[in-house]
Amino acid sequence: MCHFITLIAPTEDADAVRVVMKRHGRAADPIDNPSVRKVLRDGERQYLTTPGHCDCGTVLAPRHDTPEAFERKLANEATRLRRKGWSEGKIARAMDDMREADARPSGGGSDSLELWNAALRDLNKELKLPYAGLLVRLYSGVVATEAFKASRREVATRSQWQDALSSIEHDEVTVFPLN
């Protein structure tokens, strides 16, 4: 189980998006997750921005409030995986992976709020995108096909960029105005 970050952009020009994101140490590989597609508007595309194995340790999206909340989250996830038919051994390994990822210091990943601000700014400046969205999810399956309930939220135009980036929630396409 790992975190992955998806960029939502109103453009089909994957090469242009890739050039901008690569400059910021990120990828831009087109994907089409049906759960995310349900909250997209016409002309919007999904791009997986993960440059390596995963985005565990990202500064985006909240972790959990207390250790007890994290344990409840693990218990709920284990129950969900049992319903899907996972073996107890596989569930135990997944829970260990989640604990290991959680033990990494917040922001220990390869990103920063400044990186995301600069990437979004450059998408506007170079591609003239009026807005872009980011989605953070802890996936237990294939990123392009895992089913989940995605939501969408538009950030207010006058929001401070750091506050807006810090407000991202898991499984939520958070859309940032870039003008």
N, C-alpha and C. Protein backbone atom coordinates (compact mmCIF):
# COMPACT_ATOMS: atom_id res chain seq x y z
N MET A 1 0.85 -1.17 0.00
CA MET A 1 0.00 0.00 0.00
C MET A 1 0.89 1.23 0.00
N CYS A 2 0.64 2.09 -0.97
CA CYS A 2 1.48 3.28 -1.12
C CYS A 2 0.66 4.48 -1.55
N HIS A 3 1.17 5.65 -1.21
CA HIS A 3 0.58 6.90 -1.69
C HIS A 3 1.05 7.17 -3.11
N PHE A 4 0.13 7.69 -3.91
CA PHE A 4 0.46 8.17 -5.25
C PHE A 4 -0.25 9.49 -5.46
N ILE A 5 0.39 10.40 -6.20
CA ILE A 5 -0.17 11.72 -6.47
C ILE A 5 -0.50 11.81 -7.95
N THR A 6 -1.71 12.25 -8.24
CA THR A 6 -2.19 12.42 -9.61
C THR A 6 -2.46 13.90 -9.86
N LEU A 7 -2.01 14.37 -11.01
CA LEU A 7 -2.30 15.73 -11.46
C LEU A 7 -3.51 15.67 -12.38
N ILE A 8 -4.43 16.59 -12.20
CA ILE A 8 -5.57 16.72 -13.09
C ILE A 8 -5.38 18.04 -13.84
N ALA A 9 -5.37 17.97 -15.17
CA ALA A 9 -5.12 19.17 -15.96
C ALA A 9 -6.06 19.21 -17.16
N PRO A 10 -6.54 20.40 -17.50
CA PRO A 10 -7.43 20.54 -18.64
C PRO A 10 -6.66 20.60 -19.96
N THR A 11 -5.90 19.54 -20.24
CA THR A 11 -5.14 19.47 -21.48
C THR A 11 -4.84 18.02 -21.83
N GLU A 12 -4.81 17.74 -23.12
CA GLU A 12 -4.42 16.41 -23.60
C GLU A 12 -2.96 16.39 -24.03
N ASP A 13 -2.27 17.51 -23.91
CA ASP A 13 -0.88 17.60 -24.35
C ASP A 13 0.05 17.01 -23.29
N ALA A 14 0.09 15.68 -23.25
CA ALA A 14 0.88 14.98 -22.24
C ALA A 14 2.35 15.33 -22.32
N ASP A 15 2.87 15.54 -23.53
CA ASP A 15 4.28 15.86 -23.68
C ASP A 15 4.62 17.20 -23.02
N ALA A 16 3.76 18.18 -23.22
CA ALA A 16 4.00 19.50 -22.62
C ALA A 16 3.91 19.43 -21.09
N VAL A 17 2.93 18.69 -20.59
CA VAL A 17 2.79 18.54 -19.14
C VAL A 17 4.02 17.82 -18.60
N ARG A 18 4.46 16.79 -19.30
CA ARG A 18 5.63 16.01 -18.87
C ARG A 18 6.88 16.88 -18.76
N VAL A 19 7.08 17.79 -19.73
CA VAL A 19 8.26 18.67 -19.72
C VAL A 19 8.26 19.54 -18.46
N VAL A 20 7.11 20.12 -18.14
CA VAL A 20 7.02 20.99 -16.96
C VAL A 20 7.24 20.18 -15.69
N MET A 21 6.57 19.05 -15.59
CA MET A 21 6.67 18.27 -14.36
C MET A 21 8.06 17.67 -14.18
N LYS A 22 8.70 17.28 -15.27
CA LYS A 22 10.05 16.70 -15.17
C LYS A 22 11.03 17.72 -14.60
N ARG A 23 10.87 18.97 -14.98
CA ARG A 23 11.74 20.02 -14.47
C ARG A 23 11.63 20.14 -12.94
N HIS A 24 10.51 19.70 -12.40
CA HIS A 24 10.28 19.76 -10.95
C HIS A 24 10.49 18.40 -10.29
N GLY A 25 11.12 17.48 -11.02
CA GLY A 25 11.43 16.18 -10.46
C GLY A 25 10.25 15.23 -10.40
N ARG A 26 9.22 15.52 -11.16
CA ARG A 26 8.00 14.71 -11.15
C ARG A 26 7.77 14.12 -12.54
N ALA A 27 6.89 13.14 -12.62
CA ALA A 27 6.50 12.53 -13.89
C ALA A 27 5.15 13.12 -14.31
N ALA A 28 4.69 12.73 -15.47
CA ALA A 28 3.35 13.09 -15.95
C ALA A 28 2.93 12.02 -16.94
N ASP A 29 2.57 10.86 -16.39
CA ASP A 29 2.17 9.73 -17.22
C ASP A 29 0.65 9.66 -17.26
N PRO A 30 0.05 9.78 -18.46
CA PRO A 30 -1.42 9.73 -18.54
C PRO A 30 -1.97 8.41 -17.98
N ILE A 31 -3.00 8.52 -17.17
CA ILE A 31 -3.74 7.36 -16.69
C ILE A 31 -5.22 7.70 -16.77
N ASP A 32 -6.06 6.70 -16.57
CA ASP A 32 -7.50 6.93 -16.65
C ASP A 32 -8.21 6.06 -15.62
N ASN A 33 -8.09 6.44 -14.35
CA ASN A 33 -8.77 5.71 -13.30
C ASN A 33 -10.25 6.04 -13.35
N PRO A 34 -11.13 5.04 -13.50
CA PRO A 34 -12.58 5.30 -13.61
C PRO A 34 -13.16 6.03 -12.40
N SER A 35 -12.64 5.77 -11.21
CA SER A 35 -13.16 6.45 -10.01
C SER A 35 -12.86 7.95 -10.06
N VAL A 36 -11.69 8.31 -10.54
CA VAL A 36 -11.33 9.72 -10.66
C VAL A 36 -12.10 10.35 -11.83
N ARG A 37 -12.22 9.60 -12.91
CA ARG A 37 -12.91 10.11 -14.11
C ARG A 37 -14.32 10.62 -13.77
N LYS A 38 -14.97 10.00 -12.78
CA LYS A 38 -16.33 10.39 -12.41
C LYS A 38 -16.42 11.83 -11.91
N VAL A 39 -15.33 12.39 -11.39
CA VAL A 39 -15.37 13.76 -10.86
C VAL A 39 -14.69 14.77 -11.80
N LEU A 40 -14.26 14.31 -12.97
CA LEU A 40 -13.59 15.22 -13.91
C LEU A 40 -14.60 15.89 -14.82
N ARG A 41 -14.21 17.03 -15.33
CA ARG A 41 -15.01 17.77 -16.30
C ARG A 41 -14.50 17.46 -17.70
N ASP A 42 -15.30 17.81 -18.70
CA ASP A 42 -14.88 17.60 -20.09
C ASP A 42 -13.53 18.25 -20.34
N GLY A 43 -12.66 17.53 -21.00
CA GLY A 43 -11.36 18.06 -21.37
C GLY A 43 -10.28 17.88 -20.32
N GLU A 44 -10.63 17.41 -19.13
CA GLU A 44 -9.63 17.19 -18.07
C GLU A 44 -9.04 15.80 -18.21
N ARG A 45 -7.74 15.72 -17.92
CA ARG A 45 -7.02 14.45 -18.00
C ARG A 45 -6.25 14.21 -16.71
N GLN A 46 -5.99 12.93 -16.44
CA GLN A 46 -5.25 12.51 -15.26
C GLN A 46 -3.82 12.17 -15.65
N TYR A 47 -2.88 12.60 -14.81
CA TYR A 47 -1.46 12.30 -15.03
C TYR A 47 -0.86 11.82 -13.71
N LEU A 48 -0.29 10.64 -13.72
CA LEU A 48 0.40 10.13 -12.54
C LEU A 48 1.73 10.85 -12.44
N THR A 49 1.97 11.51 -11.31
CA THR A 49 3.17 12.35 -11.17
C THR A 49 4.31 11.65 -10.43
N THR A 50 4.09 10.43 -10.01
CA THR A 50 5.08 9.70 -9.22
C THR A 50 6.30 9.36 -10.07
N PRO A 51 7.48 9.87 -9.71
CA PRO A 51 8.67 9.62 -10.53
C PRO A 51 9.36 8.30 -10.21
N GLY A 52 9.09 7.73 -9.07
CA GLY A 52 9.77 6.50 -8.66
C GLY A 52 8.77 5.45 -8.25
N HIS A 53 9.08 4.78 -7.15
CA HIS A 53 8.25 3.68 -6.68
C HIS A 53 6.90 4.16 -6.14
N CYS A 54 6.90 5.20 -5.32
CA CYS A 54 5.65 5.70 -4.73
C CYS A 54 5.88 7.11 -4.19
N ASP A 55 4.83 7.69 -3.61
CA ASP A 55 4.90 9.03 -3.02
C ASP A 55 4.74 9.00 -1.51
N CYS A 56 5.04 7.85 -0.89
CA CYS A 56 4.94 7.77 0.56
C CYS A 56 5.88 8.82 1.18
N GLY A 57 5.39 9.51 2.19
CA GLY A 57 6.16 10.57 2.82
C GLY A 57 5.88 11.93 2.21
N THR A 58 4.92 12.02 1.29
CA THR A 58 4.60 13.30 0.67
C THR A 58 4.13 14.32 1.71
N VAL A 59 4.36 15.58 1.41
CA VAL A 59 3.88 16.65 2.28
C VAL A 59 2.39 16.93 2.06
N LEU A 60 1.84 16.38 0.98
CA LEU A 60 0.44 16.63 0.66
C LEU A 60 -0.47 15.65 1.39
N ALA A 61 -1.63 16.12 1.76
CA ALA A 61 -2.69 15.35 2.42
C ALA A 61 -2.31 15.05 3.87
N PRO A 62 -3.29 15.13 4.74
CA PRO A 62 -3.01 14.93 6.16
C PRO A 62 -2.69 13.48 6.48
N ARG A 63 -1.93 13.34 7.52
CA ARG A 63 -1.68 11.99 8.01
C ARG A 63 -2.86 11.64 8.92
N HIS A 64 -2.69 11.50 10.17
CA HIS A 64 -3.78 11.20 11.10
C HIS A 64 -3.57 12.02 12.36
N ASP A 65 -4.65 12.21 13.09
CA ASP A 65 -4.60 13.07 14.27
C ASP A 65 -3.90 12.43 15.46
N THR A 66 -4.15 11.15 15.68
CA THR A 66 -3.59 10.47 16.85
C THR A 66 -3.15 9.06 16.46
N PRO A 67 -2.30 8.42 17.27
CA PRO A 67 -1.95 7.02 17.00
C PRO A 67 -3.18 6.11 17.00
N GLU A 68 -4.15 6.42 17.86
CA GLU A 68 -5.37 5.62 17.92
C GLU A 68 -6.15 5.73 16.62
N ALA A 69 -6.19 6.94 16.05
CA ALA A 69 -6.88 7.14 14.77
C ALA A 69 -6.21 6.33 13.67
N PHE A 70 -4.89 6.28 13.71
CA PHE A 70 -4.16 5.49 12.72
C PHE A 70 -4.47 4.01 12.88
N GLU A 71 -4.52 3.52 14.11
CA GLU A 71 -4.83 2.10 14.35
C GLU A 71 -6.26 1.78 13.89
N ARG A 72 -7.20 2.71 14.11
CA ARG A 72 -8.57 2.50 13.61
C ARG A 72 -8.57 2.43 12.09
N LYS A 73 -7.76 3.29 11.46
CA LYS A 73 -7.65 3.28 10.00
C LYS A 73 -7.10 1.93 9.53
N LEU A 74 -6.09 1.42 10.21
CA LEU A 74 -5.52 0.12 9.85
C LEU A 74 -6.56 -0.99 10.02
N ALA A 75 -7.30 -0.96 11.11
CA ALA A 75 -8.32 -1.99 11.36
C ALA A 75 -9.39 -1.94 10.28
N ASN A 76 -9.82 -0.75 9.91
CA ASN A 76 -10.83 -0.61 8.85
C ASN A 76 -10.30 -1.13 7.52
N GLU A 77 -9.05 -0.82 7.24
CA GLU A 77 -8.44 -1.28 5.99
C GLU A 77 -8.31 -2.80 5.99
N ALA A 78 -7.92 -3.40 7.12
CA ALA A 78 -7.81 -4.86 7.21
C ALA A 78 -9.17 -5.51 6.97
N THR A 79 -10.21 -4.94 7.54
CA THR A 79 -11.56 -5.46 7.34
C THR A 79 -11.94 -5.39 5.86
N ARG A 80 -11.63 -4.28 5.23
CA ARG A 80 -11.94 -4.12 3.80
C ARG A 80 -11.19 -5.15 2.96
N LEU A 81 -9.93 -5.37 3.29
CA LEU A 81 -9.13 -6.33 2.53
C LEU A 81 -9.63 -7.76 2.74
N ARG A 82 -10.09 -8.09 3.95
CA ARG A 82 -10.68 -9.42 4.19
C ARG A 82 -11.91 -9.62 3.32
N ARG A 83 -12.74 -8.59 3.22
CA ARG A 83 -13.94 -8.68 2.38
C ARG A 83 -13.56 -8.92 0.92
N LYS A 84 -12.40 -8.40 0.51
CA LYS A 84 -11.94 -8.59 -0.86
C LYS A 84 -11.31 -9.97 -1.06
N GLY A 85 -11.16 -10.73 0.04
CA GLY A 85 -10.63 -12.07 -0.08
C GLY A 85 -9.14 -12.20 0.14
N TRP A 86 -8.51 -11.18 0.68
CA TRP A 86 -7.07 -11.24 0.94
C TRP A 86 -6.79 -12.23 2.06
N SER A 87 -5.65 -12.92 2.00
CA SER A 87 -5.24 -13.83 3.07
C SER A 87 -4.74 -13.02 4.26
N GLU A 88 -4.73 -13.67 5.44
CA GLU A 88 -4.26 -12.98 6.65
C GLU A 88 -2.79 -12.58 6.52
N GLY A 89 -1.98 -13.43 5.87
CA GLY A 89 -0.57 -13.10 5.67
C GLY A 89 -0.39 -11.87 4.80
N LYS A 90 -1.17 -11.80 3.73
CA LYS A 90 -1.07 -10.65 2.82
C LYS A 90 -1.55 -9.37 3.53
N ILE A 91 -2.61 -9.51 4.33
CA ILE A 91 -3.12 -8.35 5.08
C ILE A 91 -2.06 -7.89 6.08
N ALA A 92 -1.42 -8.83 6.77
CA ALA A 92 -0.39 -8.47 7.75
C ALA A 92 0.75 -7.72 7.08
N ARG A 93 1.16 -8.18 5.90
CA ARG A 93 2.24 -7.48 5.17
C ARG A 93 1.80 -6.08 4.76
N ALA A 94 0.56 -5.95 4.33
CA ALA A 94 0.04 -4.62 3.94
C ALA A 94 0.00 -3.69 5.15
N MET A 95 -0.40 -4.20 6.30
CA MET A 95 -0.44 -3.38 7.52
C MET A 95 0.98 -2.98 7.92
N ASP A 96 1.93 -3.91 7.80
CA ASP A 96 3.33 -3.58 8.10
C ASP A 96 3.83 -2.48 7.16
N ASP A 97 3.47 -2.58 5.88
CA ASP A 97 3.87 -1.55 4.91
C ASP A 97 3.29 -0.19 5.29
N MET A 98 2.03 -0.19 5.73
CA MET A 98 1.40 1.07 6.13
C MET A 98 2.09 1.65 7.37
N ARG A 99 2.42 0.80 8.32
CA ARG A 99 3.11 1.27 9.53
C ARG A 99 4.50 1.83 9.17
N GLU A 100 5.19 1.15 8.27
CA GLU A 100 6.51 1.61 7.85
C GLU A 100 6.41 2.97 7.15
N ALA A 101 5.44 3.11 6.26
CA ALA A 101 5.25 4.39 5.56
C ALA A 101 4.88 5.49 6.56
N ASP A 102 4.06 5.14 7.55
CA ASP A 102 3.65 6.13 8.54
C ASP A 102 4.81 6.55 9.43
N ALA A 103 5.76 5.67 9.64
CA ALA A 103 6.90 5.99 10.51
C ALA A 103 7.85 6.99 9.88
N ARG A 104 7.77 7.14 8.56
CA ARG A 104 8.63 8.13 7.91
C ARG A 104 8.19 9.51 8.36
N PRO A 105 9.12 10.40 8.55
CA PRO A 105 8.74 11.74 8.99
C PRO A 105 7.88 12.43 7.95
N SER A 106 6.93 13.21 8.41
CA SER A 106 6.09 13.96 7.48
C SER A 106 6.98 14.84 6.62
N GLY A 107 6.74 14.76 5.34
CA GLY A 107 7.56 15.55 4.43
C GLY A 107 8.86 14.86 4.09
N GLY A 108 9.00 13.60 4.47
CA GLY A 108 10.23 12.87 4.19
C GLY A 108 10.32 12.39 2.76
N GLY A 109 9.29 12.66 1.98
CA GLY A 109 9.28 12.23 0.58
C GLY A 109 10.11 13.16 -0.27
N SER A 110 9.95 13.01 -1.54
CA SER A 110 10.76 13.79 -2.48
C SER A 110 10.04 15.04 -2.96
N ASP A 111 9.13 15.56 -2.15
CA ASP A 111 8.41 16.76 -2.57
C ASP A 111 8.38 17.78 -1.44
N SER A 112 7.83 18.94 -1.76
CA SER A 112 7.67 20.01 -0.78
C SER A 112 6.52 20.88 -1.25
N LEU A 113 6.00 21.69 -0.36
CA LEU A 113 4.95 22.62 -0.77
C LEU A 113 5.48 23.59 -1.82
N GLU A 114 6.73 23.99 -1.68
CA GLU A 114 7.33 24.91 -2.66
C GLU A 114 7.43 24.26 -4.04
N LEU A 115 7.78 22.96 -4.07
CA LEU A 115 7.84 22.24 -5.35
C LEU A 115 6.49 22.25 -6.03
N TRP A 116 5.44 21.92 -5.30
CA TRP A 116 4.10 21.87 -5.90
C TRP A 116 3.63 23.25 -6.33
N ASN A 117 3.92 24.26 -5.54
CA ASN A 117 3.56 25.62 -5.92
C ASN A 117 4.25 26.00 -7.23
N ALA A 118 5.55 25.72 -7.34
CA ALA A 118 6.30 26.05 -8.54
C ALA A 118 5.80 25.27 -9.75
N ALA A 119 5.48 24.00 -9.55
CA ALA A 119 4.98 23.19 -10.67
C ALA A 119 3.64 23.72 -11.16
N LEU A 120 2.74 24.05 -10.24
CA LEU A 120 1.43 24.59 -10.64
C LEU A 120 1.60 25.95 -11.33
N ARG A 121 2.48 26.79 -10.78
CA ARG A 121 2.73 28.09 -11.40
C ARG A 121 3.25 27.93 -12.83
N ASP A 122 4.18 26.99 -13.04
CA ASP A 122 4.75 26.78 -14.37
C ASP A 122 3.73 26.17 -15.35
N LEU A 123 2.81 25.35 -14.84
CA LEU A 123 1.76 24.83 -15.72
C LEU A 123 0.90 25.97 -16.25
N ASN A 124 0.66 26.97 -15.42
CA ASN A 124 -0.08 28.14 -15.87
C ASN A 124 0.75 28.99 -16.81
N LYS A 125 1.97 29.28 -16.40
CA LYS A 125 2.84 30.18 -17.17
C LYS A 125 3.17 29.62 -18.55
N GLU A 126 3.53 28.34 -18.61
CA GLU A 126 4.01 27.76 -19.86
C GLU A 126 2.92 27.14 -20.71
N LEU A 127 1.90 26.55 -20.08
CA LEU A 127 0.84 25.90 -20.85
C LEU A 127 -0.46 26.69 -20.85
N LYS A 128 -0.45 27.81 -20.14
CA LYS A 128 -1.63 28.67 -20.05
C LYS A 128 -2.84 27.94 -19.47
N LEU A 129 -2.59 27.01 -18.55
CA LEU A 129 -3.70 26.31 -17.92
C LEU A 129 -4.35 27.24 -16.90
N PRO A 130 -5.67 27.37 -16.93
CA PRO A 130 -6.35 28.24 -15.98
C PRO A 130 -6.43 27.64 -14.58
N TYR A 131 -6.32 26.33 -14.49
CA TYR A 131 -6.40 25.63 -13.20
C TYR A 131 -5.76 24.26 -13.35
N ALA A 132 -5.49 23.63 -12.22
CA ALA A 132 -5.01 22.24 -12.19
C ALA A 132 -5.41 21.67 -10.85
N GLY A 133 -5.53 20.35 -10.80
CA GLY A 133 -5.91 19.69 -9.57
C GLY A 133 -4.88 18.65 -9.16
N LEU A 134 -4.89 18.34 -7.88
CA LEU A 134 -4.03 17.28 -7.35
C LEU A 134 -4.89 16.31 -6.54
N LEU A 135 -4.56 15.04 -6.66
CA LEU A 135 -5.25 13.99 -5.91
C LEU A 135 -4.19 13.14 -5.23
N VAL A 136 -4.35 12.90 -3.94
CA VAL A 136 -3.46 12.01 -3.19
C VAL A 136 -4.31 10.84 -2.69
N ARG A 137 -3.80 9.63 -2.92
CA ARG A 137 -4.52 8.44 -2.46
C ARG A 137 -3.53 7.39 -1.98
N LEU A 138 -3.93 6.68 -0.94
CA LEU A 138 -3.19 5.52 -0.46
C LEU A 138 -3.80 4.31 -1.16
N TYR A 139 -3.11 3.83 -2.19
CA TYR A 139 -3.63 2.73 -3.00
C TYR A 139 -3.22 1.38 -2.43
N SER A 140 -4.13 0.42 -2.52
CA SER A 140 -3.81 -0.96 -2.15
C SER A 140 -3.79 -1.85 -3.38
N GLY A 141 -4.15 -1.29 -4.51
CA GLY A 141 -4.17 -2.04 -5.77
C GLY A 141 -3.51 -1.24 -6.87
N VAL A 142 -3.97 -1.47 -8.09
CA VAL A 142 -3.40 -0.82 -9.27
C VAL A 142 -3.94 0.61 -9.36
N VAL A 143 -3.05 1.58 -9.48
CA VAL A 143 -3.41 3.00 -9.48
C VAL A 143 -4.44 3.30 -10.58
N ALA A 144 -4.26 2.75 -11.75
CA ALA A 144 -5.13 3.08 -12.88
C ALA A 144 -6.51 2.45 -12.79
N THR A 145 -6.68 1.42 -11.94
CA THR A 145 -7.97 0.72 -11.93
C THR A 145 -8.63 0.60 -10.56
N GLU A 146 -7.92 0.93 -9.48
CA GLU A 146 -8.51 0.75 -8.15
C GLU A 146 -9.78 1.59 -8.00
N ALA A 147 -10.84 0.95 -7.53
CA ALA A 147 -12.11 1.63 -7.33
C ALA A 147 -12.16 2.26 -5.93
N PHE A 148 -12.62 3.51 -5.88
CA PHE A 148 -12.80 4.21 -4.62
C PHE A 148 -13.73 5.38 -4.86
N LYS A 149 -14.19 6.02 -3.81
CA LYS A 149 -15.08 7.17 -3.95
C LYS A 149 -14.24 8.44 -3.93
N ALA A 150 -14.07 9.01 -5.10
CA ALA A 150 -13.33 10.28 -5.22
C ALA A 150 -14.31 11.43 -5.08
N SER A 151 -13.79 12.55 -4.61
CA SER A 151 -14.59 13.78 -4.53
C SER A 151 -13.80 14.90 -5.20
N ARG A 152 -14.42 16.06 -5.29
CA ARG A 152 -13.79 17.20 -5.95
C ARG A 152 -14.07 18.44 -5.12
N ARG A 153 -13.03 19.29 -5.00
CA ARG A 153 -13.19 20.55 -4.27
C ARG A 153 -12.41 21.63 -5.00
N GLU A 154 -13.03 22.76 -5.17
CA GLU A 154 -12.40 23.91 -5.81
C GLU A 154 -11.87 24.82 -4.71
N VAL A 155 -10.60 25.18 -4.79
CA VAL A 155 -9.99 26.09 -3.83
C VAL A 155 -10.37 27.52 -4.21
N ALA A 156 -10.67 28.34 -3.23
CA ALA A 156 -11.03 29.73 -3.48
C ALA A 156 -9.90 30.46 -4.20
N THR A 157 -10.26 31.33 -5.10
CA THR A 157 -9.29 32.05 -5.93
C THR A 157 -8.28 32.82 -5.10
N ARG A 158 -8.68 33.41 -4.02
CA ARG A 158 -7.79 34.27 -3.24
C ARG A 158 -7.04 33.52 -2.12
N SER A 159 -7.11 32.20 -2.12
CA SER A 159 -6.43 31.43 -1.08
C SER A 159 -4.92 31.55 -1.19
N GLN A 160 -4.26 31.53 -0.06
CA GLN A 160 -2.80 31.49 -0.04
C GLN A 160 -2.37 30.12 -0.53
N TRP A 161 -1.35 30.05 -1.39
CA TRP A 161 -0.97 28.78 -1.99
C TRP A 161 -0.57 27.74 -0.95
N GLN A 162 0.15 28.14 0.08
CA GLN A 162 0.60 27.17 1.08
C GLN A 162 -0.59 26.61 1.86
N ASP A 163 -1.54 27.46 2.20
CA ASP A 163 -2.73 27.00 2.90
C ASP A 163 -3.54 26.06 2.01
N ALA A 164 -3.68 26.42 0.73
CA ALA A 164 -4.45 25.59 -0.20
C ALA A 164 -3.80 24.22 -0.38
N LEU A 165 -2.48 24.18 -0.57
CA LEU A 165 -1.80 22.90 -0.72
C LEU A 165 -1.87 22.08 0.56
N SER A 166 -1.81 22.75 1.69
CA SER A 166 -1.89 22.06 2.98
C SER A 166 -3.28 21.52 3.27
N SER A 167 -4.28 22.00 2.55
CA SER A 167 -5.66 21.59 2.82
C SER A 167 -6.10 20.37 2.01
N ILE A 168 -5.23 19.81 1.19
CA ILE A 168 -5.59 18.65 0.38
C ILE A 168 -5.99 17.49 1.28
N GLU A 169 -7.07 16.83 0.92
CA GLU A 169 -7.54 15.64 1.64
C GLU A 169 -7.33 14.41 0.75
N HIS A 170 -7.15 13.25 1.37
CA HIS A 170 -7.05 12.01 0.61
C HIS A 170 -8.30 11.79 -0.23
N ASP A 171 -8.13 11.24 -1.42
CA ASP A 171 -9.22 10.86 -2.33
C ASP A 171 -10.03 12.05 -2.83
N GLU A 172 -9.48 13.24 -2.73
CA GLU A 172 -10.17 14.45 -3.17
C GLU A 172 -9.35 15.13 -4.26
N VAL A 173 -9.98 15.35 -5.42
CA VAL A 173 -9.34 16.16 -6.44
C VAL A 173 -9.48 17.61 -5.97
N THR A 174 -8.37 18.19 -5.56
CA THR A 174 -8.35 19.55 -5.07
C THR A 174 -7.90 20.43 -6.23
N VAL A 175 -8.79 21.31 -6.69
CA VAL A 175 -8.54 22.11 -7.88
C VAL A 175 -8.10 23.50 -7.49
N PHE A 176 -6.94 23.90 -8.04
CA PHE A 176 -6.33 25.19 -7.74
C PHE A 176 -6.45 26.12 -8.93
N PRO A 177 -7.05 27.33 -8.73
CA PRO A 177 -7.05 28.31 -9.83
C PRO A 177 -5.61 28.80 -10.02
N LEU A 178 -5.16 28.88 -11.26
CA LEU A 178 -3.77 29.24 -11.52
C LEU A 178 -3.60 30.67 -12.02
N ASN A 179 -4.66 31.37 -12.21
CA ASN A 179 -4.57 32.76 -12.70
C ASN A 179 -4.37 33.73 -11.56
